[in-house]
Amino acid sequence: MTLPVMESSNIMAHLEQAESHLAEIELLSSMYPGEDELVITDQLAVAELREYVEGATDTYPLSRPHILIKQKLDTDTVKGVNVTISCTYSSDYPNVLPEIAVRCPDLSRSQQAQLHSDMNAYLSESCRGDVCVLSAVEWVKDNVHLYLTDKSTSSSSTAAPGRKESRSTCSSPQPKEQFSRLWIYSHHIYNKRKRKNILEWSKELDLSGFSMPGKPGIICVEGPQSACEDFWARVKVLTWKKIIIRHREDVAVDSRRAEASVADNADSLRRFTGFEEAMFDPHGNRGNHMNLGQLYQYLNERGCGDVFQLYFGIEGR
């Protein structure tokens, strides 16, 4: 009697998977109606999928639907960047991730490889067991700028050989660098991968500060404004119940000084030495609550005690 039950459960599993494939393809077709936006490279595979879902055949389709989503990104962070997202469905999707590749002529091979690695890590953590193509598209839109090389920097900042700068260029005021400190609040921080990402990204971007895991979760990063914004752009796209910037501090750093002086001036604004994960007497059934009195002392010792009230609505002591 066991075999028929197993066969029945397999049939139901295949049907549910096929239904999710078809529903996602139809959703994507409605969201990207233009012929140049969504390309279904194998219409026969989709037709076979539809026949199976609608009961016209009992044979589970062996063909694997393949789609291309083409986007020209024009956002605050990227302008006119063409991206193609290629997706090949597997028979076990969404229980396993589909084969997703991103092609962008503005990315080098190494940048593209890093983007793929980070995207798959995000999808593995956030979408396992659920359809994920739309999540992949949104992730690429939000994050592709982090992997692009600014090709104009060297050419625009270096004058042509033998050409003197004009008087107006020399006398125009230079923009001031910004030093930032972001105070981030999360409903909770438990996930080990997120905690590892926070530590690695802060080190990579030369940010100081701390993160407090548990419930609630707190992150503080400080350093050059561009690096802080980069950190926030990476963190906010992870899956959170709630995450916001509770408070931010921005201070102008005089960029007319020598480069070394600017760096020294920025470093003098730091309240933290390096970046660490800080634990304050964890307690509770899951060890996920921290001693807020110890947190206040930690902040107060670094001249940040006033932030405690911004987080918790009460004065620390």
C-alpha atoms as a PDB file:
ATOM      1  CA  MET A   1       0.000   0.000   0.000  1.00  0.00           C
ATOM      2  CA  THR A   2       2.968   2.303   0.466  1.00  0.00           C
ATOM      3  CA  LEU A   3       3.919   2.552  -3.220  1.00  0.00           C
ATOM      4  CA  PRO A   4       0.631   4.041  -4.483  1.00  0.00           C
ATOM      5  CA  VAL A   5       0.742   6.627  -1.696  1.00  0.00           C
ATOM      6  CA  MET A   6       4.287   7.595  -2.678  1.00  0.00           C
ATOM      7  CA  GLU A   7       3.317   7.778  -6.342  1.00  0.00           C
ATOM      8  CA  SER A   8       0.306   9.920  -5.479  1.00  0.00           C
ATOM      9  CA  SER A   9       2.421  12.296  -3.391  1.00  0.00           C
ATOM     10  CA  ASN A  10       4.973  12.589  -6.207  1.00  0.00           C
ATOM     11  CA  ILE A  11       2.233  13.414  -8.693  1.00  0.00           C
ATOM     12  CA  MET A  12       0.864  16.105  -6.387  1.00  0.00           C
ATOM     13  CA  ALA A  13       4.343  17.531  -5.843  1.00  0.00           C
ATOM     14  CA  HIS A  14       4.979  17.664  -9.594  1.00  0.00           C
ATOM     15  CA  LEU A  15       1.619  19.326 -10.181  1.00  0.00           C
ATOM     16  CA  GLU A  16       2.250  21.956  -7.507  1.00  0.00           C
ATOM     17  CA  GLN A  17       5.678  22.701  -8.963  1.00  0.00           C
ATOM     18  CA  ALA A  18       4.273  22.984 -12.485  1.00  0.00           C
ATOM     19  CA  GLU A  19       1.494  25.279 -11.254  1.00  0.00           C
ATOM     20  CA  SER A  20       4.021  27.551  -9.550  1.00  0.00           C
ATOM     21  CA  HIS A  21       6.166  27.645 -12.730  1.00  0.00           C
ATOM     22  CA  LEU A  22       3.218  28.597 -14.905  1.00  0.00           C
ATOM     23  CA  ALA A  23       1.828  31.140 -12.434  1.00  0.00           C
ATOM     24  CA  GLU A  24       5.196  32.881 -12.194  1.00  0.00           C
ATOM     25  CA  ILE A  25       5.678  32.989 -15.971  1.00  0.00           C
ATOM     26  CA  GLU A  26       2.185  34.456 -16.398  1.00  0.00           C
ATOM     27  CA  LEU A  27       2.886  37.037 -13.688  1.00  0.00           C
ATOM     28  CA  LEU A  28       6.151  38.045 -15.354  1.00  0.00           C
ATOM     29  CA  SER A  29       4.392  38.248 -18.731  1.00  0.00           C
ATOM     30  CA  SER A  30       1.858  40.686 -17.283  1.00  0.00           C
ATOM     31  CA  MET A  31       4.570  42.778 -15.619  1.00  0.00           C
ATOM     32  CA  TYR A  32       6.809  42.896 -18.698  1.00  0.00           C
ATOM     33  CA  PRO A  33       4.370  42.927 -21.642  1.00  0.00           C
ATOM     34  CA  GLY A  34       6.757  44.368 -24.237  1.00  0.00           C
ATOM     35  CA  GLU A  35       8.419  41.990 -26.685  1.00  0.00           C
ATOM     36  CA  ASP A  36      11.768  43.557 -25.835  1.00  0.00           C
ATOM     37  CA  GLU A  37      11.188  43.146 -22.076  1.00  0.00           C
ATOM     38  CA  LEU A  38      10.333  39.459 -21.637  1.00  0.00           C
ATOM     39  CA  VAL A  39      11.431  36.775 -24.095  1.00  0.00           C
ATOM     40  CA  ILE A  40      10.237  33.177 -23.717  1.00  0.00           C
ATOM     41  CA  THR A  41      12.816  31.314 -25.757  1.00  0.00           C
ATOM     42  CA  ASP A  42      10.943  27.993 -25.783  1.00  0.00           C
ATOM     43  CA  GLN A  43       7.219  28.517 -26.264  1.00  0.00           C
ATOM     44  CA  LEU A  44       6.703  24.754 -26.661  1.00  0.00           C
ATOM     45  CA  ALA A  45       7.995  24.131 -23.129  1.00  0.00           C
ATOM     46  CA  VAL A  46       5.470  26.620 -21.729  1.00  0.00           C
ATOM     47  CA  ALA A  47       2.670  25.071 -23.824  1.00  0.00           C
ATOM     48  CA  GLU A  48       3.503  21.605 -22.465  1.00  0.00           C
ATOM     49  CA  LEU A  49       3.562  23.024 -18.955  1.00  0.00           C
ATOM     50  CA  ARG A  50       0.121  24.556 -19.442  1.00  0.00           C
ATOM     51  CA  GLU A  51      -1.319  21.302 -20.814  1.00  0.00           C
ATOM     52  CA  TYR A  52      -0.049  19.400 -17.782  1.00  0.00           C
ATOM     53  CA  VAL A  53      -1.434  21.946 -15.308  1.00  0.00           C
ATOM     54  CA  GLU A  54      -4.821  22.038 -17.044  1.00  0.00           C
ATOM     55  CA  GLY A  55      -5.045  18.231 -17.102  1.00  0.00           C
ATOM     56  CA  ALA A  56      -4.816  17.820 -20.866  1.00  0.00           C
ATOM     57  CA  THR A  57      -1.973  15.332 -20.342  1.00  0.00           C
ATOM     58  CA  ASP A  58      -0.746  13.159 -17.483  1.00  0.00           C
ATOM     59  CA  THR A  59       2.842  13.252 -18.683  1.00  0.00           C
ATOM     60  CA  TYR A  60       5.044  15.558 -16.662  1.00  0.00           C
ATOM     61  CA  PRO A  61       6.804  17.862 -19.161  1.00  0.00           C
ATOM     62  CA  LEU A  62      10.519  17.247 -19.538  1.00  0.00           C
ATOM     63  CA  SER A  63      11.247  20.514 -21.357  1.00  0.00           C
ATOM     64  CA  ARG A  64      12.652  23.276 -19.182  1.00  0.00           C
ATOM     65  CA  PRO A  65      11.179  26.750 -19.763  1.00  0.00           C
ATOM     66  CA  HIS A  66      13.787  29.427 -20.369  1.00  0.00           C
ATOM     67  CA  ILE A  67      13.074  33.154 -20.187  1.00  0.00           C
ATOM     68  CA  LEU A  68      15.025  36.371 -20.676  1.00  0.00           C
ATOM     69  CA  ILE A  69      14.113  39.598 -18.889  1.00  0.00           C
ATOM     70  CA  LYS A  70      15.708  42.666 -20.440  1.00  0.00           C
ATOM     71  CA  GLN A  71      15.876  45.918 -18.516  1.00  0.00           C
ATOM     72  CA  LYS A  72      17.376  49.337 -19.149  1.00  0.00           C
ATOM     73  CA  LEU A  73      18.016  50.761 -15.704  1.00  0.00           C
ATOM     74  CA  ASP A  74      17.556  54.477 -15.093  1.00  0.00           C
ATOM     75  CA  THR A  75      17.606  55.138 -11.371  1.00  0.00           C
ATOM     76  CA  ASP A  76      19.269  57.492  -8.915  1.00  0.00           C
ATOM     77  CA  THR A  77      22.328  55.237  -8.867  1.00  0.00           C
ATOM     78  CA  VAL A  78      22.631  54.028 -12.480  1.00  0.00           C
ATOM     79  CA  LYS A  79      21.765  55.635 -15.811  1.00  0.00           C
ATOM     80  CA  GLY A  80      21.181  53.798 -19.077  1.00  0.00           C
ATOM     81  CA  VAL A  81      22.606  50.456 -17.929  1.00  0.00           C
ATOM     82  CA  ASN A  82      21.347  47.481 -19.942  1.00  0.00           C
ATOM     83  CA  VAL A  83      20.838  44.265 -17.988  1.00  0.00           C
ATOM     84  CA  THR A  84      19.580  40.880 -19.189  1.00  0.00           C
ATOM     85  CA  ILE A  85      18.485  38.292 -16.645  1.00  0.00           C
ATOM     86  CA  SER A  86      18.401  34.746 -17.969  1.00  0.00           C
ATOM     87  CA  CYS A  87      16.417  32.089 -16.100  1.00  0.00           C
ATOM     88  CA  THR A  88      16.134  28.372 -16.799  1.00  0.00           C
ATOM     89  CA  TYR A  89      13.590  26.495 -14.704  1.00  0.00           C
ATOM     90  CA  SER A  90      14.515  23.152 -13.190  1.00  0.00           C
ATOM     91  CA  SER A  91      12.008  20.370 -12.594  1.00  0.00           C
ATOM     92  CA  ASP A  92      12.508  20.725  -8.813  1.00  0.00           C
ATOM     93  CA  TYR A  93      12.021  24.504  -8.734  1.00  0.00           C
ATOM     94  CA  PRO A  94      11.008  26.178  -6.434  1.00  0.00           C
ATOM     95  CA  ASN A  95      12.425  23.604  -3.999  1.00  0.00           C
ATOM     96  CA  VAL A  96      15.804  24.344  -5.572  1.00  0.00           C
ATOM     97  CA  LEU A  97      16.901  27.583  -7.192  1.00  0.00           C
ATOM     98  CA  PRO A  98      16.579  27.943 -10.961  1.00  0.00           C
ATOM     99  CA  GLU A  99      19.623  28.686 -13.096  1.00  0.00           C
ATOM    100  CA  ILE A 100      19.792  32.484 -13.137  1.00  0.00           C
ATOM    101  CA  ALA A 101      22.481  34.443 -14.954  1.00  0.00           C
ATOM    102  CA  VAL A 102      22.897  38.199 -15.289  1.00  0.00           C
ATOM    103  CA  ARG A 103      24.499  39.746 -18.345  1.00  0.00           C
ATOM    104  CA  CYS A 104      25.549  43.382 -18.380  1.00  0.00           C
ATOM    105  CA  PRO A 105      28.049  44.860 -20.868  1.00  0.00           C
ATOM    106  CA  ASP A 106      29.182  47.389 -18.245  1.00  0.00           C
ATOM    107  CA  LEU A 107      30.390  44.662 -15.880  1.00  0.00           C
ATOM    108  CA  SER A 108      33.751  42.959 -16.103  1.00  0.00           C
ATOM    109  CA  ARG A 109      33.926  39.189 -15.818  1.00  0.00           C
ATOM    110  CA  SER A 110      35.064  39.355 -12.196  1.00  0.00           C
ATOM    111  CA  GLN A 111      32.344  41.865 -11.297  1.00  0.00           C
ATOM    112  CA  GLN A 112      29.739  39.654 -12.942  1.00  0.00           C
ATOM    113  CA  ALA A 113      31.001  36.609 -11.039  1.00  0.00           C
ATOM    114  CA  GLN A 114      30.805  38.485  -7.738  1.00  0.00           C
ATOM    115  CA  LEU A 115      27.287  39.703  -8.531  1.00  0.00           C
ATOM    116  CA  HIS A 116      26.176  36.128  -9.306  1.00  0.00           C
ATOM    117  CA  SER A 117      27.679  34.848  -6.081  1.00  0.00           C
ATOM    118  CA  ASP A 118      26.010  37.518  -3.945  1.00  0.00           C
ATOM    119  CA  MET A 119      22.664  37.210  -5.732  1.00  0.00           C
ATOM    120  CA  ASN A 120      22.556  33.430  -5.318  1.00  0.00           C
ATOM    121  CA  ALA A 121      23.472  33.760  -1.649  1.00  0.00           C
ATOM    122  CA  TYR A 122      20.593  36.202  -1.191  1.00  0.00           C
ATOM    123  CA  LEU A 123      18.123  33.980  -3.056  1.00  0.00           C
ATOM    124  CA  SER A 124      19.252  30.872  -1.165  1.00  0.00           C
ATOM    125  CA  GLU A 125      18.598  32.614   2.129  1.00  0.00           C
ATOM    126  CA  SER A 126      15.420  34.467   1.223  1.00  0.00           C
ATOM    127  CA  CYS A 127      13.539  32.455  -1.384  1.00  0.00           C
ATOM    128  CA  ARG A 128      14.226  28.763  -0.850  1.00  0.00           C
ATOM    129  CA  GLY A 129      10.930  26.956  -1.437  1.00  0.00           C
ATOM    130  CA  ASP A 130       9.296  30.005  -3.052  1.00  0.00           C
ATOM    131  CA  VAL A 131       9.330  31.363  -6.590  1.00  0.00           C
ATOM    132  CA  CYS A 132      12.188  33.821  -6.873  1.00  0.00           C
ATOM    133  CA  VAL A 133      12.641  35.210 -10.393  1.00  0.00           C
ATOM    134  CA  LEU A 134      10.940  38.505  -9.576  1.00  0.00           C
ATOM    135  CA  SER A 135      12.994  38.748  -6.379  1.00  0.00           C
ATOM    136  CA  ALA A 136      16.131  38.237  -8.466  1.00  0.00           C
ATOM    137  CA  VAL A 137      15.106  41.009 -10.876  1.00  0.00           C
ATOM    138  CA  GLU A 138      14.437  43.433  -8.023  1.00  0.00           C
ATOM    139  CA  TRP A 139      17.707  42.497  -6.305  1.00  0.00           C
ATOM    140  CA  VAL A 140      19.664  43.197  -9.493  1.00  0.00           C
ATOM    141  CA  LYS A 141      17.932  46.561  -9.941  1.00  0.00           C
ATOM    142  CA  ASP A 142      18.747  47.567  -6.367  1.00  0.00           C
ATOM    143  CA  ASN A 143      22.323  46.290  -6.297  1.00  0.00           C
ATOM    144  CA  VAL A 144      23.922  46.338  -9.744  1.00  0.00           C
ATOM    145  CA  HIS A 145      25.376  49.800  -9.072  1.00  0.00           C
ATOM    146  CA  LEU A 146      27.540  48.295  -6.326  1.00  0.00           C
ATOM    147  CA  TYR A 147      29.428  46.247  -8.925  1.00  0.00           C
ATOM    148  CA  LEU A 148      29.833  48.873 -11.631  1.00  0.00           C
ATOM    149  CA  THR A 149      33.179  50.588 -12.112  1.00  0.00           C
ATOM    150  CA  ASP A 150      32.984  54.326 -12.587  1.00  0.00           C
ATOM    151  CA  LYS A 151      34.836  54.596 -15.883  1.00  0.00           C
ATOM    152  CA  SER A 152      34.573  58.345 -15.958  1.00  0.00           C
ATOM    153  CA  THR A 153      36.509  58.988 -12.750  1.00  0.00           C
ATOM    154  CA  SER A 154      40.023  58.833 -14.107  1.00  0.00           C
ATOM    155  CA  SER A 155      39.266  60.627 -17.358  1.00  0.00           C
ATOM    156  CA  SER A 156      37.253  63.424 -15.800  1.00  0.00           C
ATOM    157  CA  SER A 157      39.559  64.048 -12.866  1.00  0.00           C
ATOM    158  CA  THR A 158      42.802  64.098 -14.869  1.00  0.00           C
ATOM    159  CA  ALA A 159      43.485  67.042 -17.153  1.00  0.00           C
ATOM    160  CA  ALA A 160      44.864  66.368 -20.629  1.00  0.00           C
ATOM    161  CA  PRO A 161      48.699  66.521 -20.829  1.00  0.00           C
ATOM    162  CA  GLY A 162      50.023  70.031 -21.291  1.00  0.00           C
ATOM    163  CA  ARG A 163      46.656  71.685 -20.672  1.00  0.00           C
ATOM    164  CA  LYS A 164      46.370  74.180 -17.841  1.00  0.00           C
ATOM    165  CA  GLU A 165      43.211  74.456 -15.810  1.00  0.00           C
ATOM    166  CA  SER A 166      41.166  77.550 -16.464  1.00  0.00           C
ATOM    167  CA  ARG A 167      40.974  80.300 -13.861  1.00  0.00           C
ATOM    168  CA  SER A 168      37.306  79.563 -13.223  1.00  0.00           C
ATOM    169  CA  THR A 169      38.075  75.897 -12.528  1.00  0.00           C
ATOM    170  CA  CYS A 170      40.828  76.766 -10.077  1.00  0.00           C
ATOM    171  CA  SER A 171      38.770  79.288  -8.186  1.00  0.00           C
ATOM    172  CA  SER A 172      35.512  77.345  -7.982  1.00  0.00           C
ATOM    173  CA  PRO A 173      34.799  75.981  -4.505  1.00  0.00           C
ATOM    174  CA  GLN A 174      35.294  72.251  -4.105  1.00  0.00           C
ATOM    175  CA  PRO A 175      32.492  70.230  -2.531  1.00  0.00           C
ATOM    176  CA  LYS A 176      33.077  69.190   1.035  1.00  0.00           C
ATOM    177  CA  GLU A 177      33.491  65.565   1.926  1.00  0.00           C
ATOM    178  CA  GLN A 178      30.872  64.159   4.268  1.00  0.00           C
ATOM    179  CA  PHE A 179      31.439  62.009   7.326  1.00  0.00           C
ATOM    180  CA  SER A 180      28.368  60.004   8.331  1.00  0.00           C
ATOM    181  CA  ARG A 181      27.180  57.916  11.234  1.00  0.00           C
ATOM    182  CA  LEU A 182      24.119  55.730  10.684  1.00  0.00           C
ATOM    183  CA  TRP A 183      22.096  54.308  13.558  1.00  0.00           C
ATOM    184  CA  ILE A 184      20.143  51.349  12.178  1.00  0.00           C
ATOM    185  CA  TYR A 185      17.300  49.574  13.972  1.00  0.00           C
ATOM    186  CA  SER A 186      16.073  46.072  13.150  1.00  0.00           C
ATOM    187  CA  HIS A 187      13.224  44.106  14.714  1.00  0.00           C
ATOM    188  CA  HIS A 188      15.789  41.365  15.339  1.00  0.00           C
ATOM    189  CA  ILE A 189      19.142  40.068  14.127  1.00  0.00           C
ATOM    190  CA  TYR A 190      19.514  36.301  14.540  1.00  0.00           C
ATOM    191  CA  ASN A 191      20.695  34.901  11.211  1.00  0.00           C
ATOM    192  CA  LYS A 192      24.372  33.910  11.273  1.00  0.00           C
ATOM    193  CA  ARG A 193      24.921  34.778   7.616  1.00  0.00           C
ATOM    194  CA  LYS A 194      23.529  38.284   8.092  1.00  0.00           C
ATOM    195  CA  ARG A 195      25.750  38.778  11.117  1.00  0.00           C
ATOM    196  CA  LYS A 196      28.750  37.613   9.099  1.00  0.00           C
ATOM    197  CA  ASN A 197      27.822  39.933   6.217  1.00  0.00           C
ATOM    198  CA  ILE A 198      27.573  42.907   8.575  1.00  0.00           C
ATOM    199  CA  LEU A 199      31.059  42.239   9.950  1.00  0.00           C
ATOM    200  CA  GLU A 200      32.637  41.580   6.540  1.00  0.00           C
ATOM    201  CA  TRP A 201      31.029  44.548   4.764  1.00  0.00           C
ATOM    202  CA  SER A 202      31.975  47.014   7.501  1.00  0.00           C
ATOM    203  CA  LYS A 203      35.586  45.813   7.321  1.00  0.00           C
ATOM    204  CA  GLU A 204      35.606  45.932   3.506  1.00  0.00           C
ATOM    205  CA  LEU A 205      34.280  49.518   3.508  1.00  0.00           C
ATOM    206  CA  ASP A 206      36.585  50.647   6.357  1.00  0.00           C
ATOM    207  CA  LEU A 207      33.666  51.535   8.615  1.00  0.00           C
ATOM    208  CA  SER A 208      33.813  51.577  12.388  1.00  0.00           C
ATOM    209  CA  GLY A 209      30.954  50.979  14.802  1.00  0.00           C
ATOM    210  CA  PHE A 210      29.195  47.919  16.194  1.00  0.00           C
ATOM    211  CA  SER A 211      26.281  45.566  15.740  1.00  0.00           C
ATOM    212  CA  MET A 212      24.162  44.128  18.536  1.00  0.00           C
ATOM    213  CA  PRO A 213      22.410  40.884  17.560  1.00  0.00           C
ATOM    214  CA  GLY A 214      19.222  39.682  19.221  1.00  0.00           C
ATOM    215  CA  LYS A 215      15.867  41.386  19.635  1.00  0.00           C
ATOM    216  CA  PRO A 216      15.933  44.243  18.867  1.00  0.00           C
ATOM    217  CA  GLY A 217      18.966  44.403  16.606  1.00  0.00           C
ATOM    218  CA  ILE A 218      21.106  47.527  16.442  1.00  0.00           C
ATOM    219  CA  ILE A 219      23.801  48.492  13.944  1.00  0.00           C
ATOM    220  CA  CYS A 220      25.931  51.623  13.980  1.00  0.00           C
ATOM    221  CA  VAL A 221      28.355  52.381  11.152  1.00  0.00           C
ATOM    222  CA  GLU A 222      30.496  55.485  10.759  1.00  0.00           C
ATOM    223  CA  GLY A 223      32.940  56.674   8.139  1.00  0.00           C
ATOM    224  CA  PRO A 224      32.867  58.343   4.702  1.00  0.00           C
ATOM    225  CA  GLN A 225      29.299  59.035   3.655  1.00  0.00           C
ATOM    226  CA  SER A 226      29.647  57.092   0.399  1.00  0.00           C
ATOM    227  CA  ALA A 227      30.843  54.003   2.282  1.00  0.00           C
ATOM    228  CA  CYS A 228      27.983  54.276   4.792  1.00  0.00           C
ATOM    229  CA  GLU A 229      25.457  54.554   1.966  1.00  0.00           C
ATOM    230  CA  ASP A 230      27.053  51.554   0.264  1.00  0.00           C
ATOM    231  CA  PHE A 231      26.752  49.543   3.482  1.00  0.00           C
ATOM    232  CA  TRP A 232      23.093  50.521   3.925  1.00  0.00           C
ATOM    233  CA  ALA A 233      22.300  49.652   0.296  1.00  0.00           C
ATOM    234  CA  ARG A 234      23.646  46.140   0.855  1.00  0.00           C
ATOM    235  CA  VAL A 235      22.045  45.557   4.250  1.00  0.00           C
ATOM    236  CA  LYS A 236      18.545  46.825   3.514  1.00  0.00           C
ATOM    237  CA  VAL A 237      17.937  44.372   0.639  1.00  0.00           C
ATOM    238  CA  LEU A 238      18.424  41.367   2.904  1.00  0.00           C
ATOM    239  CA  THR A 239      15.227  39.834   4.245  1.00  0.00           C
ATOM    240  CA  TRP A 240      14.119  41.610   7.417  1.00  0.00           C
ATOM    241  CA  LYS A 241      10.903  41.785   9.386  1.00  0.00           C
ATOM    242  CA  LYS A 242      11.695  45.469   9.882  1.00  0.00           C
ATOM    243  CA  ILE A 243      14.828  47.547   9.360  1.00  0.00           C
ATOM    244  CA  ILE A 244      15.167  51.338   9.276  1.00  0.00           C
ATOM    245  CA  ILE A 245      17.713  54.088   9.787  1.00  0.00           C
ATOM    246  CA  ARG A 246      16.555  55.409  13.158  1.00  0.00           C
ATOM    247  CA  HIS A 247      18.966  58.343  13.175  1.00  0.00           C
ATOM    248  CA  ARG A 248      21.842  59.665  11.117  1.00  0.00           C
ATOM    249  CA  GLU A 249      24.601  62.196  11.643  1.00  0.00           C
ATOM    250  CA  ASP A 250      26.345  63.937   8.729  1.00  0.00           C
ATOM    251  CA  VAL A 251      29.348  66.214   9.221  1.00  0.00           C
ATOM    252  CA  ALA A 252      31.163  68.149   6.493  1.00  0.00           C
ATOM    253  CA  VAL A 253      34.906  67.524   6.209  1.00  0.00           C
ATOM    254  CA  ASP A 254      36.930  70.287   4.547  1.00  0.00           C
ATOM    255  CA  SER A 255      38.244  68.738   1.306  1.00  0.00           C
ATOM    256  CA  ARG A 256      40.420  71.752   0.518  1.00  0.00           C
ATOM    257  CA  ARG A 257      43.028  70.442   2.915  1.00  0.00           C
ATOM    258  CA  ALA A 258      45.707  68.003   1.901  1.00  0.00           C
ATOM    259  CA  GLU A 259      44.390  64.492   1.373  1.00  0.00           C
ATOM    260  CA  ALA A 260      46.133  63.159   4.482  1.00  0.00           C
ATOM    261  CA  SER A 261      44.651  65.983   6.572  1.00  0.00           C
ATOM    262  CA  VAL A 262      41.161  65.201   5.290  1.00  0.00           C
ATOM    263  CA  ALA A 263      41.578  61.561   6.297  1.00  0.00           C
ATOM    264  CA  ASP A 264      42.907  62.553   9.730  1.00  0.00           C
ATOM    265  CA  ASN A 265      40.031  64.985  10.203  1.00  0.00           C
ATOM    266  CA  ALA A 266      37.495  62.296   9.290  1.00  0.00           C
ATOM    267  CA  ASP A 267      39.124  59.760  11.604  1.00  0.00           C
ATOM    268  CA  SER A 268      39.007  62.262  14.457  1.00  0.00           C
ATOM    269  CA  LEU A 269      35.208  62.225  14.159  1.00  0.00           C
ATOM    270  CA  ARG A 270      34.970  58.496  14.798  1.00  0.00           C
ATOM    271  CA  ARG A 271      33.503  57.409  18.134  1.00  0.00           C
ATOM    272  CA  PHE A 272      34.431  53.745  17.674  1.00  0.00           C
ATOM    273  CA  THR A 273      37.708  51.949  17.049  1.00  0.00           C
ATOM    274  CA  GLY A 274      37.133  49.336  14.382  1.00  0.00           C
ATOM    275  CA  PHE A 275      33.887  47.403  14.061  1.00  0.00           C
ATOM    276  CA  GLU A 276      32.698  44.686  16.413  1.00  0.00           C
ATOM    277  CA  GLU A 277      29.701  42.559  17.261  1.00  0.00           C
ATOM    278  CA  ALA A 278      28.802  43.566  20.811  1.00  0.00           C
ATOM    279  CA  MET A 279      26.930  41.300  23.235  1.00  0.00           C
ATOM    280  CA  PHE A 280      25.529  42.569  26.543  1.00  0.00           C
ATOM    281  CA  ASP A 281      24.732  39.737  28.970  1.00  0.00           C
ATOM    282  CA  PRO A 282      22.415  37.751  26.635  1.00  0.00           C
ATOM    283  CA  HIS A 283      19.387  36.313  28.429  1.00  0.00           C
ATOM    284  CA  GLY A 284      15.893  34.992  27.765  1.00  0.00           C
ATOM    285  CA  ASN A 285      14.794  31.546  26.608  1.00  0.00           C
ATOM    286  CA  ARG A 286      16.710  31.865  23.346  1.00  0.00           C
ATOM    287  CA  GLY A 287      19.454  34.085  24.702  1.00  0.00           C
ATOM    288  CA  ASN A 288      18.272  36.757  22.297  1.00  0.00           C
ATOM    289  CA  HIS A 289      17.670  39.681  24.660  1.00  0.00           C
ATOM    290  CA  MET A 290      20.473  41.993  25.752  1.00  0.00           C
ATOM    291  CA  ASN A 291      21.014  43.951  28.952  1.00  0.00           C
ATOM    292  CA  LEU A 292      20.007  47.450  27.860  1.00  0.00           C
ATOM    293  CA  GLY A 293      21.692  49.013  30.873  1.00  0.00           C
ATOM    294  CA  GLN A 294      25.019  47.641  29.673  1.00  0.00           C
ATOM    295  CA  LEU A 295      24.236  48.858  26.155  1.00  0.00           C
ATOM    296  CA  TYR A 296      23.667  52.370  27.513  1.00  0.00           C
ATOM    297  CA  GLN A 297      26.991  52.286  29.370  1.00  0.00           C
ATOM    298  CA  TYR A 298      28.709  51.116  26.177  1.00  0.00           C
ATOM    299  CA  LEU A 299      27.200  54.007  24.209  1.00  0.00           C
ATOM    300  CA  ASN A 300      27.831  56.548  26.952  1.00  0.00           C
ATOM    301  CA  GLU A 301      31.515  55.642  27.165  1.00  0.00           C
ATOM    302  CA  ARG A 302      31.786  56.553  23.483  1.00  0.00           C
ATOM    303  CA  GLY A 303      29.888  59.813  23.743  1.00  0.00           C
ATOM    304  CA  CYS A 304      26.717  58.414  22.178  1.00  0.00           C
ATOM    305  CA  GLY A 305      24.484  58.018  25.225  1.00  0.00           C
ATOM    306  CA  ASP A 306      21.829  60.358  23.826  1.00  0.00           C
ATOM    307  CA  VAL A 307      21.091  57.876  21.032  1.00  0.00           C
ATOM    308  CA  PHE A 308      19.672  55.407  23.566  1.00  0.00           C
ATOM    309  CA  GLN A 309      16.523  57.510  23.959  1.00  0.00           C
ATOM    310  CA  LEU A 310      16.094  57.683  20.177  1.00  0.00           C
ATOM    311  CA  TYR A 311      16.011  53.884  20.073  1.00  0.00           C
ATOM    312  CA  PHE A 312      13.957  53.083  23.147  1.00  0.00           C
ATOM    313  CA  GLY A 313      12.074  56.276  24.041  1.00  0.00           C
ATOM    314  CA  ILE A 314      13.512  56.435  27.570  1.00  0.00           C
ATOM    315  CA  GLU A 315      16.631  57.932  29.065  1.00  0.00           C
ATOM    316  CA  GLY A 316      19.412  55.456  29.707  1.00  0.00           C
ATOM    317  CA  ARG A 317      20.921  54.904  33.106  1.00  0.00           C
END
